[in-house]
Amino acid sequence: MKTFLIIGASSGIGKKLAHLLKDAGHKVFGTYYNHSDLEGSSEIDYHYLNVLDNQPDFDYLPEQLDGLVYCPGSLNLKPFHRLKPEQFTEDFNLQVVGAIKAIQILLPRLKTGDGGSVVLFSTVAVQTGFNFHTQIAASKGAIEGLARSLAAELAPKVRVNCIAPSLTNTALASRLLSTDEKIEANAKRHPLKRIGEAGDIATAAEFLLSGNSSWITGQVLHVDGGMSSLKV
């Protein structure tokens, strides 16, 4: 049995991953921001966390942590001219600085065992430019750089990898998938002709946390229905 912390485990990919790990017999700690998201998740050891706090509290965790997953994100798709510079800063604080604070605080715990694993999340929009994605691509591009640099610095004790999904059927993307027509149109843009599900991404994260990926670090894993590399 291993011990994992999933930051942002009360919905979407984080929630799916928490249950996969729990069902596999691991001890799972999860954080939440909105209490309403916790319905049906009593078997996960949840703790409130605002990732924007200057000093996040992780004192409830044991001294050894086998894996850390940082899930918080946003999806603010607007034309560049309509975005204010401070919106980029707010997004960067949520998606990048929040991850940095958590990793710095938890690094001693991740180094305690036989080898900790950190999993971060990017987006297909970093590698493949899309209209109206400047805000999210700017933050997630920083996440990819952080993952690679940290992987080099923390090797061989701690592995750091990143997953770059395409559009996934979660609450975060609900505005883009609010009708059958929108779902069908977005599915057609992908070579595999469907929208990603939370399980598609969560199983990839589960792999990167496991011993089966013990020779993988510093990688950006594209789980995107072929969007980033194929034209069909």
Protein backbone atom coordinates (compact mmCIF):
# COMPACT_ATOMS: atom_id res chain seq x y z
CA MET A 1 0.00 0.00 0.00
CA LYS A 2 1.25 3.45 -0.93
CA THR A 3 0.19 6.90 0.27
CA PHE A 4 -0.90 9.59 -2.18
CA LEU A 5 -2.10 13.19 -2.02
CA ILE A 6 -4.33 14.52 -4.77
CA ILE A 7 -4.78 18.27 -4.69
CA GLY A 8 -8.16 18.95 -6.27
CA ALA A 9 -9.62 15.49 -5.67
CA SER A 10 -13.28 16.41 -5.26
CA SER A 11 -14.27 16.58 -8.93
CA GLY A 12 -13.32 15.62 -12.45
CA ILE A 13 -10.02 13.88 -13.12
CA GLY A 14 -8.80 14.24 -9.54
CA LYS A 15 -11.90 12.57 -8.13
CA LYS A 16 -11.70 9.71 -10.61
CA LEU A 17 -8.03 9.19 -9.81
CA ALA A 18 -8.67 9.23 -6.06
CA HIS A 19 -11.17 6.40 -6.40
CA LEU A 20 -8.93 4.38 -8.72
CA LEU A 21 -6.11 4.54 -6.18
CA LYS A 22 -8.42 3.82 -3.26
CA ASP A 23 -9.90 0.80 -5.06
CA ALA A 24 -6.36 -0.48 -5.65
CA GLY A 25 -5.79 -0.55 -1.89
CA HIS A 26 -3.79 2.64 -1.41
CA LYS A 27 -4.20 5.33 1.23
CA VAL A 28 -5.51 8.46 -0.49
CA PHE A 29 -5.63 11.97 0.89
CA GLY A 30 -7.51 14.52 -1.18
CA THR A 31 -8.14 18.23 -0.98
CA TYR A 32 -11.29 20.11 -1.85
CA TYR A 33 -12.27 23.75 -2.22
CA ASN A 34 -16.05 23.50 -2.61
CA HIS A 35 -17.72 21.33 0.02
CA SER A 36 -20.63 20.61 -2.32
CA ASP A 37 -18.31 18.51 -4.51
CA LEU A 38 -17.75 15.91 -1.78
CA GLU A 39 -21.00 13.99 -2.23
CA GLY A 40 -20.34 10.28 -2.65
CA SER A 41 -16.68 10.50 -1.70
CA SER A 42 -16.68 9.58 1.98
CA GLU A 43 -14.04 6.87 1.56
CA ILE A 44 -11.40 9.46 0.61
CA ASP A 45 -9.63 11.32 3.44
CA TYR A 46 -10.56 14.87 2.41
CA HIS A 47 -9.17 18.14 3.73
CA TYR A 48 -10.05 21.71 2.77
CA LEU A 49 -7.41 23.62 0.82
CA ASN A 50 -7.26 26.98 -0.91
CA VAL A 51 -4.19 26.66 -3.11
CA LEU A 52 -3.87 30.46 -3.22
CA ASP A 53 -3.08 30.61 0.51
CA ASN A 54 0.49 31.68 1.25
CA GLN A 55 1.12 28.77 3.63
CA PRO A 56 -1.00 25.73 2.74
CA ASP A 57 -1.47 23.36 5.67
CA PHE A 58 -0.44 19.75 5.08
CA ASP A 59 0.21 18.79 8.70
CA TYR A 60 -2.36 15.99 8.50
CA LEU A 61 -0.13 13.99 6.14
CA PRO A 62 2.22 11.21 7.26
CA GLU A 63 5.98 11.67 7.08
CA GLN A 64 6.24 9.57 3.92
CA LEU A 65 4.35 10.41 0.74
CA ASP A 66 4.65 8.23 -2.34
CA GLY A 67 2.93 10.50 -4.80
CA LEU A 68 1.58 14.01 -5.31
CA VAL A 69 -0.88 15.04 -8.00
CA TYR A 70 -1.81 18.68 -8.61
CA CYS A 71 -5.15 19.03 -10.43
CA PRO A 72 -6.48 22.61 -9.97
CA GLY A 73 -6.98 24.45 -13.22
CA SER A 74 -9.15 26.85 -15.17
CA LEU A 75 -10.48 27.07 -18.72
CA ASN A 76 -10.98 30.72 -19.63
CA LEU A 77 -11.20 30.83 -23.43
CA LYS A 78 -11.34 34.39 -24.72
CA PRO A 79 -9.79 36.43 -27.54
CA PHE A 80 -6.41 37.76 -26.48
CA HIS A 81 -7.51 41.40 -26.73
CA ARG A 82 -10.27 40.79 -24.18
CA LEU A 83 -7.93 39.39 -21.54
CA LYS A 84 -6.39 41.69 -18.96
CA PRO A 85 -2.79 41.12 -17.81
CA GLU A 86 -3.99 40.50 -14.26
CA GLN A 87 -6.09 37.58 -15.51
CA PHE A 88 -2.90 35.90 -16.72
CA THR A 89 -1.39 36.49 -13.28
CA GLU A 90 -4.41 35.04 -11.49
CA ASP A 91 -4.33 31.96 -13.70
CA PHE A 92 -0.57 31.55 -13.20
CA ASN A 93 -1.01 31.73 -9.43
CA LEU A 94 -3.67 29.01 -9.51
CA GLN A 95 -2.04 26.60 -11.93
CA VAL A 96 1.69 27.16 -11.44
CA VAL A 97 2.46 28.93 -8.16
CA GLY A 98 -0.02 26.71 -6.31
CA ALA A 99 1.80 23.63 -7.59
CA ILE A 100 5.18 25.11 -6.69
CA LYS A 101 4.12 25.83 -3.10
CA ALA A 102 2.73 22.33 -2.63
CA ILE A 103 5.80 20.62 -4.06
CA GLN A 104 8.19 22.71 -1.98
CA ILE A 105 6.33 21.98 1.24
CA LEU A 106 5.88 18.27 0.52
CA LEU A 107 9.27 17.52 -0.99
CA PRO A 108 10.79 16.15 2.27
CA ARG A 109 7.91 13.66 2.48
CA LEU A 110 8.32 12.66 -1.17
CA LYS A 111 12.03 12.00 -0.62
CA THR A 112 11.49 9.78 2.42
CA GLY A 113 10.46 6.56 0.68
CA ASP A 114 11.90 4.51 -2.16
CA GLY A 115 11.00 7.11 -4.75
CA GLY A 116 8.20 9.64 -4.91
CA SER A 117 6.25 10.60 -8.02
CA VAL A 118 4.80 14.00 -8.89
CA VAL A 119 2.16 14.32 -11.61
CA LEU A 120 1.17 17.71 -13.06
CA PHE A 121 -1.29 18.64 -15.79
CA SER A 122 -0.77 20.62 -18.98
CA THR A 123 -2.94 20.85 -22.10
CA VAL A 124 -2.74 19.91 -25.76
CA ALA A 125 -2.91 23.67 -26.47
CA VAL A 126 0.72 24.13 -25.41
CA GLN A 127 2.08 22.02 -28.27
CA THR A 128 -0.70 22.81 -30.75
CA GLY A 129 -1.82 26.42 -30.95
CA PHE A 130 -5.56 27.07 -30.73
CA ASN A 131 -7.56 30.25 -30.99
CA PHE A 132 -8.55 31.86 -27.67
CA HIS A 133 -6.22 29.62 -25.61
CA THR A 134 -3.50 32.15 -24.76
CA GLN A 135 -4.28 32.31 -21.05
CA ILE A 136 -4.37 28.58 -20.38
CA ALA A 137 -1.48 27.84 -22.75
CA ALA A 138 0.73 30.41 -21.04
CA SER A 139 0.23 28.82 -17.61
CA LYS A 140 0.39 25.25 -18.80
CA GLY A 141 3.50 25.97 -20.85
CA ALA A 142 5.10 27.03 -17.58
CA ILE A 143 3.91 23.78 -15.99
CA GLU A 144 5.66 21.75 -18.68
CA GLY A 145 8.88 23.68 -18.12
CA LEU A 146 8.55 23.23 -14.37
CA ALA A 147 8.02 19.48 -14.76
CA ARG A 148 11.09 18.95 -16.92
CA SER A 149 13.38 21.12 -14.82
CA LEU A 150 12.20 19.59 -11.56
CA ALA A 151 12.60 16.10 -12.95
CA ALA A 152 16.26 16.85 -13.66
CA GLU A 153 16.85 18.46 -10.28
CA LEU A 154 15.09 15.83 -8.18
CA ALA A 155 16.39 12.72 -9.95
CA PRO A 156 16.95 9.99 -8.97
CA LYS A 157 14.89 10.31 -5.78
CA VAL A 158 11.68 11.87 -7.10
CA ARG A 159 10.14 11.47 -10.54
CA VAL A 160 8.18 14.35 -12.11
CA ASN A 161 5.93 13.96 -15.13
CA CYS A 162 3.13 15.85 -16.81
CA ILE A 163 -0.05 14.85 -18.65
CA ALA A 164 -1.33 17.01 -21.50
CA PRO A 165 -4.99 16.17 -22.24
CA SER A 166 -7.26 17.47 -24.93
CA LEU A 167 -10.86 18.46 -24.19
CA THR A 168 -12.20 16.17 -21.47
CA ASN A 169 -15.75 15.66 -20.28
CA THR A 170 -15.54 17.22 -16.81
CA ALA A 171 -17.30 20.06 -15.03
CA LEU A 172 -14.48 22.39 -16.04
CA ALA A 173 -15.38 21.91 -19.70
CA SER A 174 -19.15 21.88 -19.22
CA ARG A 175 -19.70 25.13 -21.16
CA LEU A 176 -17.98 23.64 -24.20
CA LEU A 177 -19.93 20.38 -23.99
CA SER A 178 -23.36 21.60 -22.92
CA THR A 179 -25.29 20.13 -25.87
CA ASP A 180 -25.14 16.98 -27.98
CA GLU A 181 -24.24 19.15 -30.95
CA LYS A 182 -21.23 20.63 -29.17
CA ILE A 183 -20.07 17.22 -28.03
CA GLU A 184 -20.33 15.83 -31.57
CA ALA A 185 -18.55 18.81 -33.12
CA ASN A 186 -15.67 18.61 -30.64
CA ALA A 187 -15.45 14.83 -31.00
CA LYS A 188 -15.00 15.18 -34.77
CA ARG A 189 -11.93 17.38 -34.25
CA HIS A 190 -10.08 14.43 -32.70
CA PRO A 191 -8.64 11.56 -34.75
CA LEU A 192 -10.28 9.07 -32.37
CA LYS A 193 -13.62 10.85 -32.89
CA ARG A 194 -14.66 11.16 -29.28
CA ILE A 195 -14.26 13.45 -26.29
CA GLY A 196 -11.92 12.38 -23.53
CA GLU A 197 -13.39 11.11 -20.28
CA ALA A 198 -12.02 11.66 -16.79
CA GLY A 199 -11.06 7.98 -16.66
CA ASP A 200 -8.84 8.32 -19.74
CA ILE A 201 -6.70 10.87 -17.96
CA ALA A 202 -6.93 9.37 -14.48
CA THR A 203 -5.64 5.97 -15.62
CA ALA A 204 -2.63 7.69 -17.21
CA ALA A 205 -1.94 9.49 -13.93
CA GLU A 206 -2.33 6.23 -12.01
CA PHE A 207 0.33 4.69 -14.27
CA LEU A 208 2.75 7.56 -13.68
CA LEU A 209 2.31 7.15 -9.92
CA SER A 210 2.96 3.42 -10.03
CA GLY A 211 6.10 1.34 -10.07
CA ASN A 212 5.27 0.38 -13.65
CA SER A 213 6.56 3.82 -14.69
CA SER A 214 9.69 3.73 -12.51
CA TRP A 215 11.97 4.52 -15.50
CA ILE A 216 9.89 7.48 -16.71
CA THR A 217 10.59 11.05 -15.62
CA GLY A 218 10.65 14.49 -17.19
CA GLN A 219 8.02 13.52 -19.75
CA VAL A 220 4.89 15.19 -21.08
CA LEU A 221 2.41 12.42 -21.82
CA HIS A 222 -0.13 13.42 -24.47
CA VAL A 223 -3.49 11.81 -23.73
CA ASP A 224 -5.48 13.70 -26.32
CA GLY A 225 -7.23 11.39 -28.77
CA GLY A 226 -4.43 11.99 -31.26
CA MET A 227 -5.04 15.74 -31.42
CA SER A 228 -1.43 16.82 -30.95
CA SER A 229 0.23 14.53 -33.47
CA LEU A 230 -2.21 13.24 -36.09
CA LYS A 231 -4.13 14.64 -39.02
CA VAL A 232 -6.74 12.31 -40.45
